[in-house]
């Protein structure tokens, strides 16, 4: 997650990389954030 966030925060990467690569990185980050939220909810539910 951190490496994808760093790439997307890098203006040089975003401006120079092909649009499909940037979109793929954004999609990957979104999927990772969603998965992480689901896992955290599961861990919290199991802890109760």
PDB file of N, CA and C in Angstrom:
ATOM      1  N   UNK A   1       0.827  -1.191   0.000  1.00  0.00           N
ATOM      2  CA  UNK A   1       0.000   0.000   0.000  1.00  0.00           C
ATOM      3  C   UNK A   1       0.869   1.251   0.000  1.00  0.00           C
ATOM      4  N   UNK A   2       1.859   1.270   0.857  1.00  0.00           N
ATOM      5  CA  UNK A   2       2.699   2.463   0.983  1.00  0.00           C
ATOM      6  C   UNK A   2       3.430   2.773  -0.320  1.00  0.00           C
ATOM      7  N   UNK A   3       3.931   1.745  -0.990  1.00  0.00           N
ATOM      8  CA  UNK A   3       4.665   1.999  -2.231  1.00  0.00           C
ATOM      9  C   UNK A   3       3.737   2.532  -3.320  1.00  0.00           C
ATOM     10  N   UNK A   4       2.516   2.033  -3.370  1.00  0.00           N
ATOM     11  CA  UNK A   4       1.553   2.531  -4.354  1.00  0.00           C
ATOM     12  C   UNK A   4       1.177   3.970  -4.047  1.00  0.00           C
ATOM     13  N   UNK A   5       0.990   4.279  -2.768  1.00  0.00           N
ATOM     14  CA  UNK A   5       0.678   5.659  -2.378  1.00  0.00           C
ATOM     15  C   UNK A   5       1.824   6.594  -2.755  1.00  0.00           C
ATOM     16  N   UNK A   6       3.060   6.148  -2.548  1.00  0.00           N
ATOM     17  CA  UNK A   6       4.222   6.972  -2.892  1.00  0.00           C
ATOM     18  C   UNK A   6       4.283   7.236  -4.391  1.00  0.00           C
ATOM     19  N   UNK A   7       4.032   6.183  -5.184  1.00  0.00           N
ATOM     20  CA  UNK A   7       4.053   6.366  -6.639  1.00  0.00           C
ATOM     21  C   UNK A   7       2.998   7.379  -7.076  1.00  0.00           C
ATOM     22  N   UNK A   8       1.796   7.259  -6.526  1.00  0.00           N
ATOM     23  CA  UNK A   8       0.716   8.159  -6.924  1.00  0.00           C
ATOM     24  C   UNK A   8       0.933   9.582  -6.409  1.00  0.00           C
ATOM     25  N   UNK A   9       1.686   9.730  -5.334  1.00  0.00           N
ATOM     26  CA  UNK A   9       1.998  11.055  -4.804  1.00  0.00           C
ATOM     27  C   UNK A   9       3.133  11.717  -5.589  1.00  0.00           C
ATOM     28  N   UNK A  10       3.853  10.920  -6.363  1.00  0.00           N
ATOM     29  CA  UNK A  10       4.970  11.417  -7.156  1.00  0.00           C
ATOM     30  C   UNK A  10       4.429  12.031  -8.452  1.00  0.00           C
ATOM     31  N   UNK A  11       4.480  13.352  -8.539  1.00  0.00           N
ATOM     32  CA  UNK A  11       3.945  14.048  -9.716  1.00  0.00           C
ATOM     33  C   UNK A  11       4.639  13.619 -11.001  1.00  0.00           C
ATOM     34  N   UNK A  12       5.915  13.307 -10.903  1.00  0.00           N
ATOM     35  CA  UNK A  12       6.665  12.873 -12.075  1.00  0.00           C
ATOM     36  C   UNK A  12       6.124  11.543 -12.594  1.00  0.00           C
ATOM     37  N   UNK A  13       5.858  10.611 -11.687  1.00  0.00           N
ATOM     38  CA  UNK A  13       5.294   9.317 -12.083  1.00  0.00           C
ATOM     39  C   UNK A  13       3.941   9.513 -12.751  1.00  0.00           C
ATOM     40  N   UNK A  14       3.076  10.286 -12.105  1.00  0.00           N
ATOM     41  CA  UNK A  14       1.712  10.477 -12.610  1.00  0.00           C
ATOM     42  C   UNK A  14       1.720  11.170 -13.973  1.00  0.00           C
ATOM     43  N   UNK A  15       2.620  12.123 -14.159  1.00  0.00           N
ATOM     44  CA  UNK A  15       2.637  12.858 -15.425  1.00  0.00           C
ATOM     45  C   UNK A  15       3.327  12.092 -16.553  1.00  0.00           C
ATOM     46  N   UNK A  16       4.265  11.212 -16.219  1.00  0.00           N
ATOM     47  CA  UNK A  16       5.029  10.521 -17.257  1.00  0.00           C
ATOM     48  C   UNK A  16       4.541   9.114 -17.567  1.00  0.00           C
ATOM     49  N   UNK A  17       3.947   8.460 -16.607  1.00  0.00           N
ATOM     50  CA  UNK A  17       3.505   7.076 -16.814  1.00  0.00           C
ATOM     51  C   UNK A  17       2.284   7.053 -17.729  1.00  0.00           C
ATOM     52  N   UNK A  18       2.136   5.979 -18.488  1.00  0.00           N
ATOM     53  CA  UNK A  18       0.926   5.849 -19.310  1.00  0.00           C
ATOM     54  C   UNK A  18      -0.326   5.883 -18.426  1.00  0.00           C
ATOM     55  N   UNK A  19      -1.394   6.438 -18.956  1.00  0.00           N
ATOM     56  CA  UNK A  19      -2.635   6.597 -18.188  1.00  0.00           C
ATOM     57  C   UNK A  19      -3.125   5.272 -17.621  1.00  0.00           C
ATOM     58  N   UNK A  20      -2.982   4.199 -18.391  1.00  0.00           N
ATOM     59  CA  UNK A  20      -3.463   2.897 -17.904  1.00  0.00           C
ATOM     60  C   UNK A  20      -2.643   2.399 -16.714  1.00  0.00           C
ATOM     61  N   UNK A  21      -1.376   2.764 -16.657  1.00  0.00           N
ATOM     62  CA  UNK A  21      -0.535   2.377 -15.524  1.00  0.00           C
ATOM     63  C   UNK A  21      -0.955   3.153 -14.276  1.00  0.00           C
ATOM     64  N   UNK A  22      -1.188   4.436 -14.442  1.00  0.00           N
ATOM     65  CA  UNK A  22      -1.622   5.269 -13.315  1.00  0.00           C
ATOM     66  C   UNK A  22      -2.988   4.793 -12.824  1.00  0.00           C
ATOM     67  N   UNK A  23      -3.899   4.534 -13.748  1.00  0.00           N
ATOM     68  CA  UNK A  23      -5.233   4.057 -13.367  1.00  0.00           C
ATOM     69  C   UNK A  23      -5.137   2.702 -12.667  1.00  0.00           C
ATOM     70  N   UNK A  24      -4.261   1.836 -13.137  1.00  0.00           N
ATOM     71  CA  UNK A  24      -4.066   0.541 -12.489  1.00  0.00           C
ATOM     72  C   UNK A  24      -3.557   0.702 -11.068  1.00  0.00           C
ATOM     73  N   UNK A  25      -2.651   1.631 -10.858  1.00  0.00           N
ATOM     74  CA  UNK A  25      -2.129   1.884  -9.512  1.00  0.00           C
ATOM     75  C   UNK A  25      -3.223   2.437  -8.611  1.00  0.00           C
ATOM     76  N   UNK A  26      -4.040   3.337  -9.149  1.00  0.00           N
ATOM     77  CA  UNK A  26      -5.152   3.884  -8.352  1.00  0.00           C
ATOM     78  C   UNK A  26      -6.154   2.795  -7.987  1.00  0.00           C
ATOM     79  N   UNK A  27      -6.457   1.942  -8.946  1.00  0.00           N
ATOM     80  CA  UNK A  27      -7.385   0.836  -8.701  1.00  0.00           C
ATOM     81  C   UNK A  27      -6.811  -0.127  -7.658  1.00  0.00           C
ATOM     82  N   UNK A  28      -5.520  -0.428  -7.780  1.00  0.00           N
ATOM     83  CA  UNK A  28      -4.860  -1.315  -6.824  1.00  0.00           C
ATOM     84  C   UNK A  28      -4.919  -0.727  -5.417  1.00  0.00           C
ATOM     85  N   UNK A  29      -4.668   0.567  -5.297  1.00  0.00           N
ATOM     86  CA  UNK A  29      -4.714   1.223  -3.992  1.00  0.00           C
ATOM     87  C   UNK A  29      -6.128   1.164  -3.416  1.00  0.00           C
ATOM     88  N   UNK A  30      -7.114   1.444  -4.245  1.00  0.00           N
ATOM     89  CA  UNK A  30      -8.504   1.410  -3.786  1.00  0.00           C
ATOM     90  C   UNK A  30      -8.883   0.008  -3.302  1.00  0.00           C
ATOM     91  N   UNK A  31      -8.482  -1.018  -4.051  1.00  0.00           N
ATOM     92  CA  UNK A  31      -8.783  -2.398  -3.660  1.00  0.00           C
ATOM     93  C   UNK A  31      -8.084  -2.760  -2.353  1.00  0.00           C
ATOM     94  N   UNK A  32      -6.854  -2.312  -2.198  1.00  0.00           N
ATOM     95  CA  UNK A  32      -6.102  -2.599  -0.980  1.00  0.00           C
ATOM     96  C   UNK A  32      -6.746  -1.931   0.227  1.00  0.00           C
ATOM     97  N   UNK A  33      -7.153  -0.686   0.073  1.00  0.00           N
ATOM     98  CA  UNK A  33      -7.799   0.041   1.171  1.00  0.00           C
ATOM     99  C   UNK A  33      -9.114  -0.642   1.552  1.00  0.00           C
ATOM    100  N   UNK A  34      -9.872  -1.069   0.561  1.00  0.00           N
ATOM    101  CA  UNK A  34     -11.139  -1.762   0.821  1.00  0.00           C
ATOM    102  C   UNK A  34     -10.898  -3.076   1.550  1.00  0.00           C
ATOM    103  N   UNK A  35      -9.919  -3.848   1.076  1.00  0.00           N
ATOM    104  CA  UNK A  35      -9.591  -5.131   1.721  1.00  0.00           C
ATOM    105  C   UNK A  35      -9.150  -4.920   3.155  1.00  0.00           C
ATOM    106  N   UNK A  36      -8.331  -3.908   3.377  1.00  0.00           N
ATOM    107  CA  UNK A  36      -7.835  -3.613   4.718  1.00  0.00           C
ATOM    108  C   UNK A  36      -8.980  -3.234   5.653  1.00  0.00           C
ATOM    109  N   UNK A  37      -9.911  -2.446   5.169  1.00  0.00           N
ATOM    110  CA  UNK A  37     -11.062  -2.058   5.991  1.00  0.00           C
ATOM    111  C   UNK A  37     -11.896  -3.281   6.368  1.00  0.00           C
ATOM    112  N   UNK A  38     -12.090  -4.183   5.414  1.00  0.00           N
ATOM    113  CA  UNK A  38     -12.857  -5.406   5.691  1.00  0.00           C
ATOM    114  C   UNK A  38     -12.135  -6.271   6.723  1.00  0.00           C
ATOM    115  N   UNK A  39     -10.827  -6.387   6.583  1.00  0.00           N
ATOM    116  CA  UNK A  39     -10.054  -7.189   7.535  1.00  0.00           C
ATOM    117  C   UNK A  39     -10.099  -6.583   8.930  1.00  0.00           C
ATOM    118  N   UNK A  40      -9.987  -5.272   9.008  1.00  0.00           N
ATOM    119  CA  UNK A  40     -10.058  -4.610  10.318  1.00  0.00           C
ATOM    120  C   UNK A  40     -11.422  -4.828  10.962  1.00  0.00           C
ATOM    121  N   UNK A  41     -12.481  -4.759  10.172  1.00  0.00           N
ATOM    122  CA  UNK A  41     -13.828  -4.990  10.697  1.00  0.00           C
ATOM    123  C   UNK A  41     -13.963  -6.422  11.193  1.00  0.00           C
ATOM    124  N   UNK A  42     -13.393  -7.364  10.469  1.00  0.00           N
ATOM    125  CA  UNK A  42     -13.444  -8.767  10.874  1.00  0.00           C
ATOM    126  C   UNK A  42     -12.685  -8.981  12.170  1.00  0.00           C
ATOM    127  N   UNK A  43     -11.495  -8.417  12.269  1.00  0.00           N
ATOM    128  CA  UNK A  43     -10.690  -8.549  13.487  1.00  0.00           C
ATOM    129  C   UNK A  43     -11.429  -7.933  14.670  1.00  0.00           C
ATOM    130  N   UNK A  44     -12.029  -6.777  14.454  1.00  0.00           N
ATOM    131  CA  UNK A  44     -12.777  -6.126  15.527  1.00  0.00           C
ATOM    132  C   UNK A  44     -13.969  -6.986  15.956  1.00  0.00           C
ATOM    133  N   UNK A  45     -14.668  -7.563  15.002  1.00  0.00           N
ATOM    134  CA  UNK A  45     -15.823  -8.405  15.318  1.00  0.00           C
ATOM    135  C   UNK A  45     -15.393  -9.656  16.076  1.00  0.00           C
ATOM    136  N   UNK A  46     -14.258 -10.211  15.721  1.00  0.00           N
ATOM    137  CA  UNK A  46     -13.766 -11.410  16.402  1.00  0.00           C
ATOM    138  C   UNK A  46     -13.293 -11.095  17.812  1.00  0.00           C
ATOM    139  N   UNK A  47     -12.853  -9.876  18.031  1.00  0.00           N
ATOM    140  CA  UNK A  47     -12.361  -9.473  19.338  1.00  0.00           C
ATOM    141  C   UNK A  47     -13.457  -9.231  20.352  1.00  0.00           C
ATOM    142  N   UNK A  48     -14.672  -9.160  19.908  1.00  0.00           N
ATOM    143  CA  UNK A  48     -15.784  -8.864  20.822  1.00  0.00           C
ATOM    144  C   UNK A  48     -16.310 -10.078  21.492  1.00  0.00           C
TER     145      UNK A  48
END
